[in-house]
Amino acid sequence: MNAIYKYELSEDKVQWVSLPLNSTILSVVEQHQKIVMYVIVDAVQENTQEIQFLLLGTGQIFDNTLDGYSFLNTVKLSGGSLMFHVFVEKGRGKNVNEH
């Protein structure tokens, strides 16, 4: 049984989110000044996996290369004064935007 669930991401640069196995990330957007991610999940799946996300602000210096990540979206907060570019670790969870 599939369902679409919402997960909130913090503004931390590196974070891990526990998602049910075989989840598919639909989108990452702003909702009520929060960064939220919509994911298709198997609602009865009990096994989960920890997936790493990177949130990088415009102009922010970062050590990581982005070779191991897929871009999800740019999210605008505070009327556009804060811009976060959201990446997910490749090979960990499906992304509807990957080909």
C-alpha atoms as a PDB file:
ATOM      1  CA  MET A   1       0.000   0.000   0.000  1.00  0.00           C
ATOM      2  CA  ASN A   2       1.528   3.260  -1.141  1.00  0.00           C
ATOM      3  CA  ALA A   3       1.009   6.691   0.352  1.00  0.00           C
ATOM      4  CA  ILE A   4       2.584  10.120  -0.034  1.00  0.00           C
ATOM      5  CA  TYR A   5       4.204  11.304   3.201  1.00  0.00           C
ATOM      6  CA  LYS A   6       5.691  14.661   4.076  1.00  0.00           C
ATOM      7  CA  TYR A   7       9.079  14.935   5.808  1.00  0.00           C
ATOM      8  CA  GLU A   8      10.477  18.190   7.168  1.00  0.00           C
ATOM      9  CA  LEU A   9      14.142  19.005   6.537  1.00  0.00           C
ATOM     10  CA  SER A  10      16.064  21.332   8.813  1.00  0.00           C
ATOM     11  CA  GLU A  11      18.368  24.060   7.527  1.00  0.00           C
ATOM     12  CA  ASP A  12      21.408  22.029   8.656  1.00  0.00           C
ATOM     13  CA  LYS A  13      24.014  21.499   5.947  1.00  0.00           C
ATOM     14  CA  VAL A  14      24.203  17.693   6.364  1.00  0.00           C
ATOM     15  CA  GLN A  15      21.336  15.603   7.649  1.00  0.00           C
ATOM     16  CA  TRP A  16      20.055  12.060   7.609  1.00  0.00           C
ATOM     17  CA  VAL A  17      16.414  11.086   7.111  1.00  0.00           C
ATOM     18  CA  SER A  18      15.028   7.633   7.806  1.00  0.00           C
ATOM     19  CA  LEU A  19      12.750   6.550   4.933  1.00  0.00           C
ATOM     20  CA  PRO A  20      10.997   3.231   4.277  1.00  0.00           C
ATOM     21  CA  LEU A  21      12.848   1.012   1.791  1.00  0.00           C
ATOM     22  CA  ASN A  22      12.019   1.634  -1.889  1.00  0.00           C
ATOM     23  CA  SER A  23      10.749   5.161  -1.281  1.00  0.00           C
ATOM     24  CA  THR A  24      10.550   7.634  -4.170  1.00  0.00           C
ATOM     25  CA  ILE A  25      11.240  11.328  -3.587  1.00  0.00           C
ATOM     26  CA  LEU A  26       8.682  13.445  -5.419  1.00  0.00           C
ATOM     27  CA  SER A  27       9.677  16.983  -4.513  1.00  0.00           C
ATOM     28  CA  VAL A  28      11.311  19.332  -2.027  1.00  0.00           C
ATOM     29  CA  VAL A  29       9.530  22.650  -1.544  1.00  0.00           C
ATOM     30  CA  GLU A  30       8.821  25.458   0.918  1.00  0.00           C
ATOM     31  CA  GLN A  31       5.679  25.203   3.030  1.00  0.00           C
ATOM     32  CA  HIS A  32       4.952  27.716   5.806  1.00  0.00           C
ATOM     33  CA  GLN A  33       8.628  28.818   5.907  1.00  0.00           C
ATOM     34  CA  LYS A  34       9.819  25.211   6.322  1.00  0.00           C
ATOM     35  CA  ILE A  35      11.656  22.955   3.884  1.00  0.00           C
ATOM     36  CA  VAL A  36       9.503  19.894   3.260  1.00  0.00           C
ATOM     37  CA  MET A  37       9.962  16.797   1.137  1.00  0.00           C
ATOM     38  CA  TYR A  38       7.138  14.731  -0.343  1.00  0.00           C
ATOM     39  CA  VAL A  39       7.903  11.039  -0.732  1.00  0.00           C
ATOM     40  CA  ILE A  40       5.988   8.030  -2.076  1.00  0.00           C
ATOM     41  CA  VAL A  41       6.371   5.311   0.545  1.00  0.00           C
ATOM     42  CA  ASP A  42       5.121   1.801   1.093  1.00  0.00           C
ATOM     43  CA  ALA A  43       2.921   2.541   4.111  1.00  0.00           C
ATOM     44  CA  VAL A  44       3.291  -0.983   5.497  1.00  0.00           C
ATOM     45  CA  GLN A  45       7.062  -1.284   4.965  1.00  0.00           C
ATOM     46  CA  GLU A  46       8.733  -1.642   8.346  1.00  0.00           C
ATOM     47  CA  ASN A  47      12.341  -1.662   7.097  1.00  0.00           C
ATOM     48  CA  THR A  48      13.946   1.731   6.678  1.00  0.00           C
ATOM     49  CA  GLN A  49      17.162   3.204   5.372  1.00  0.00           C
ATOM     50  CA  GLU A  50      19.030   6.329   6.434  1.00  0.00           C
ATOM     51  CA  ILE A  51      19.477   8.696   3.500  1.00  0.00           C
ATOM     52  CA  GLN A  52      21.876  11.651   3.559  1.00  0.00           C
ATOM     53  CA  PHE A  53      20.801  15.069   2.328  1.00  0.00           C
ATOM     54  CA  LEU A  54      22.914  18.186   1.757  1.00  0.00           C
ATOM     55  CA  LEU A  55      21.393  21.656   2.001  1.00  0.00           C
ATOM     56  CA  LEU A  56      23.697  24.327   0.651  1.00  0.00           C
ATOM     57  CA  GLY A  57      22.924  28.010   0.800  1.00  0.00           C
ATOM     58  CA  THR A  58      23.784  30.261  -2.109  1.00  0.00           C
ATOM     59  CA  GLY A  59      27.387  31.420  -1.619  1.00  0.00           C
ATOM     60  CA  GLN A  60      28.035  28.874   1.126  1.00  0.00           C
ATOM     61  CA  ILE A  61      31.495  27.265   1.051  1.00  0.00           C
ATOM     62  CA  PHE A  62      31.455  23.453   1.247  1.00  0.00           C
ATOM     63  CA  ASP A  63      34.087  20.725   1.413  1.00  0.00           C
ATOM     64  CA  ASN A  64      32.191  17.953  -0.336  1.00  0.00           C
ATOM     65  CA  THR A  65      32.324  17.292  -4.028  1.00  0.00           C
ATOM     66  CA  LEU A  66      28.823  16.761  -5.307  1.00  0.00           C
ATOM     67  CA  ASP A  67      29.739  13.712  -7.420  1.00  0.00           C
ATOM     68  CA  GLY A  68      27.963  11.372  -5.003  1.00  0.00           C
ATOM     69  CA  TYR A  69      24.752  13.438  -4.898  1.00  0.00           C
ATOM     70  CA  SER A  70      21.760  14.207  -7.092  1.00  0.00           C
ATOM     71  CA  PHE A  71      20.205  17.673  -7.155  1.00  0.00           C
ATOM     72  CA  LEU A  72      16.576  17.750  -5.992  1.00  0.00           C
ATOM     73  CA  ASN A  73      15.521  21.396  -5.985  1.00  0.00           C
ATOM     74  CA  THR A  74      16.261  24.947  -4.875  1.00  0.00           C
ATOM     75  CA  VAL A  75      13.999  26.084  -2.039  1.00  0.00           C
ATOM     76  CA  LYS A  76      13.324  29.759  -1.307  1.00  0.00           C
ATOM     77  CA  LEU A  77      12.690  30.901   2.286  1.00  0.00           C
ATOM     78  CA  SER A  78      12.050  34.342   3.793  1.00  0.00           C
ATOM     79  CA  GLY A  79      10.684  35.780   0.570  1.00  0.00           C
ATOM     80  CA  GLY A  80      13.765  34.728  -1.363  1.00  0.00           C
ATOM     81  CA  SER A  81      16.405  36.130   0.968  1.00  0.00           C
ATOM     82  CA  LEU A  82      17.455  32.554   1.871  1.00  0.00           C
ATOM     83  CA  MET A  83      18.031  30.060  -0.935  1.00  0.00           C
ATOM     84  CA  PHE A  84      18.796  26.401  -0.173  1.00  0.00           C
ATOM     85  CA  HIS A  85      19.964  23.976  -2.846  1.00  0.00           C
ATOM     86  CA  VAL A  86      18.953  20.449  -1.819  1.00  0.00           C
ATOM     87  CA  PHE A  87      20.918  17.329  -2.806  1.00  0.00           C
ATOM     88  CA  VAL A  88      20.369  13.651  -1.987  1.00  0.00           C
ATOM     89  CA  GLU A  89      22.977  10.916  -1.773  1.00  0.00           C
ATOM     90  CA  LYS A  90      22.981   8.936  -5.058  1.00  0.00           C
ATOM     91  CA  GLY A  91      21.783   5.351  -4.936  1.00  0.00           C
ATOM     92  CA  ARG A  92      19.873   5.847  -1.680  1.00  0.00           C
ATOM     93  CA  GLY A  93      16.161   6.161  -2.372  1.00  0.00           C
ATOM     94  CA  LYS A  94      14.719   6.880  -5.785  1.00  0.00           C
ATOM     95  CA  ASN A  95      14.293  10.366  -7.164  1.00  0.00           C
ATOM     96  CA  VAL A  96      11.589  10.918  -9.797  1.00  0.00           C
ATOM     97  CA  ASN A  97      13.874  13.487 -11.471  1.00  0.00           C
ATOM     98  CA  GLU A  98      16.732  11.012 -12.116  1.00  0.00           C
ATOM     99  CA  HIS A  99      16.919   9.396 -15.518  1.00  0.00           C
END
